[in-house]
Protein backbone atom coordinates (compact mmCIF):
# COMPACT_ATOMS: atom_id res chain seq x y z
CA GLN A 1 98.56 7.55 -14.05
CA ASP A 2 101.38 10.02 -14.54
CA ASN A 3 101.72 10.66 -10.80
CA GLU A 4 100.56 14.23 -11.36
CA THR A 5 99.39 16.22 -8.37
CA PHE A 6 97.67 19.55 -8.09
CA ASP A 7 97.68 22.50 -5.69
CA LEU A 8 94.12 23.50 -6.60
CA ILE A 9 91.19 21.40 -7.78
CA TYR A 10 87.91 23.02 -8.82
CA ILE A 11 84.95 20.66 -9.18
CA ASP A 12 82.18 22.08 -11.35
CA GLY A 13 80.54 19.86 -13.92
CA SER A 14 77.71 17.44 -13.52
CA HIS A 15 75.22 18.32 -10.82
CA ALA A 16 74.23 14.68 -10.28
CA ARG A 17 74.98 13.49 -6.75
CA ASP A 18 76.82 10.31 -7.75
CA ASP A 19 78.96 12.09 -10.36
CA VAL A 20 80.00 14.76 -7.86
CA LEU A 21 80.95 12.15 -5.24
CA ILE A 22 83.02 10.15 -7.73
CA ASP A 23 84.75 13.30 -9.01
CA SER A 24 85.46 14.38 -5.43
CA VAL A 25 86.96 11.10 -4.28
CA LEU A 26 89.12 10.66 -7.38
CA ALA A 27 90.28 14.30 -7.34
CA TRP A 28 91.20 14.15 -3.65
CA ARG A 29 93.88 11.57 -4.41
CA LEU A 30 95.54 14.07 -6.77
CA LEU A 31 95.51 17.01 -4.36
CA VAL A 32 98.76 17.78 -2.56
CA PRO A 33 98.83 18.30 1.23
CA ASP A 34 97.91 21.93 1.97
CA GLY A 35 96.18 22.03 -1.44
CA ILE A 36 92.77 23.59 -1.97
CA CYS A 37 89.67 21.81 -3.26
CA MET A 38 86.62 23.80 -4.32
CA TRP A 39 83.11 22.72 -5.27
CA ASP A 40 80.73 25.01 -7.12
CA ASP A 41 76.92 25.02 -7.03
CA TYR A 42 76.60 23.62 -3.48
CA THR A 43 73.08 25.02 -3.20
CA TRP A 44 72.10 24.36 -6.85
CA GLY A 45 68.65 22.79 -7.18
CA LEU A 46 68.14 22.85 -3.42
CA ARG A 47 64.47 23.75 -3.65
CA ASP A 48 63.36 22.11 -6.88
CA ARG A 49 65.45 18.97 -7.48
CA PRO A 50 65.52 15.52 -5.88
CA GLN A 51 68.66 14.63 -3.91
CA ALA A 52 70.03 12.41 -6.69
CA GLU A 53 70.13 15.44 -9.01
CA ARG A 54 71.88 17.86 -6.62
CA PRO A 55 75.59 18.20 -5.72
CA GLN A 56 74.95 19.12 -2.06
CA PRO A 57 74.34 15.58 -0.72
CA ALA A 58 77.54 14.33 -2.39
CA ILE A 59 79.62 17.21 -1.06
CA ASP A 60 78.21 16.66 2.43
CA ALA A 61 79.00 12.92 2.23
CA PHE A 62 82.54 13.65 1.05
CA LEU A 63 83.12 16.16 3.86
CA ASP A 64 81.87 13.62 6.37
CA LEU A 65 84.02 10.79 4.98
CA TYR A 66 87.20 12.89 4.84
CA CYS A 67 86.59 15.15 7.86
CA ASP A 68 89.88 14.13 9.50
CA GLU A 69 91.84 15.01 6.35
CA LEU A 70 90.52 18.50 5.63
CA GLN A 71 89.70 21.88 7.03
CA ILE A 72 86.64 23.74 5.75
CA LEU A 73 87.60 27.28 4.74
CA HIS A 74 84.31 28.44 3.22
CA ALA A 75 80.81 27.01 2.83
CA GLN A 76 78.08 28.90 1.02
CA ASP A 77 77.22 28.51 -2.67
CA GLN A 78 80.78 27.27 -3.04
CA VAL A 79 82.56 24.97 -0.60
CA ILE A 80 86.32 25.39 -0.17
CA VAL A 81 88.54 23.08 1.86
CA GLU A 82 92.23 22.71 2.52
CA LYS A 83 93.78 19.25 2.59
CA ARG A 84 95.60 18.69 5.84
CA PRO A 85 99.21 17.52 5.71
CA ASN A 86 99.88 13.83 6.37
CA PRO A 87 96.29 12.63 6.06
CA GLY A 88 95.44 9.44 7.86
CA SER A 89 98.29 9.64 10.35
CA GLN A 90 95.73 9.04 13.11
CA ARG A 91 94.18 6.05 11.34
CA GLU A 92 96.32 3.27 12.75
CA ASN A 93 94.66 -0.13 13.12
CA VAL A 94 91.71 0.87 10.98
CA LEU A 95 90.38 -1.53 8.36
CA THR A 96 90.65 0.11 4.96
CA PHE A 97 89.66 -1.03 1.52
CA PRO A 98 91.68 -0.30 -1.62
CA ARG A 99 90.60 3.02 -3.10
CA SER A 100 89.51 2.03 -6.54
CA ALA A 101 86.75 3.06 -8.88
CA ALA A 102 85.27 -0.45 -8.53
CA ASN A 103 85.09 -0.18 -4.74
CA LEU A 104 83.62 3.31 -4.98
CA MET A 105 80.86 1.99 -7.22
CA ARG A 106 80.29 -0.93 -4.85
CA PHE A 107 80.00 1.55 -1.96
CA LEU A 108 77.55 3.77 -3.87
CA THR A 109 75.37 0.80 -4.80
CA ARG A 110 75.57 -0.58 -1.24
CA ARG A 111 77.33 -3.80 -2.24
CA PRO A 112 80.20 -5.33 -0.22
CA MET A 113 83.58 -3.86 -1.04
CA ARG A 114 86.57 -6.01 -1.92
CA PHE A 115 90.10 -6.11 -0.57
């Protein structure tokens, strides 16, 4: 809301898949080009928790969705990426939906998104 941006964002909180994905998408908008985004606990609960209770599926989904806007620097228990400058410059003539919390929730619950 204050047009603040950040050079480094560290995501480490809830381990729930949906929470991690929401945090990731919302944080990405605040990260400056060439900024660093880090996720902790990538492998947390890998052997003993269902997917909905682990951060790994959300981080993987985020990396897949934003693959053209980032470069992976490290991927083990932590995942570290660098945001590429001028994201989306190759996305001409692509249908996009407004990035809003409402549309993110619609996407997560597999309902049609709105323009």
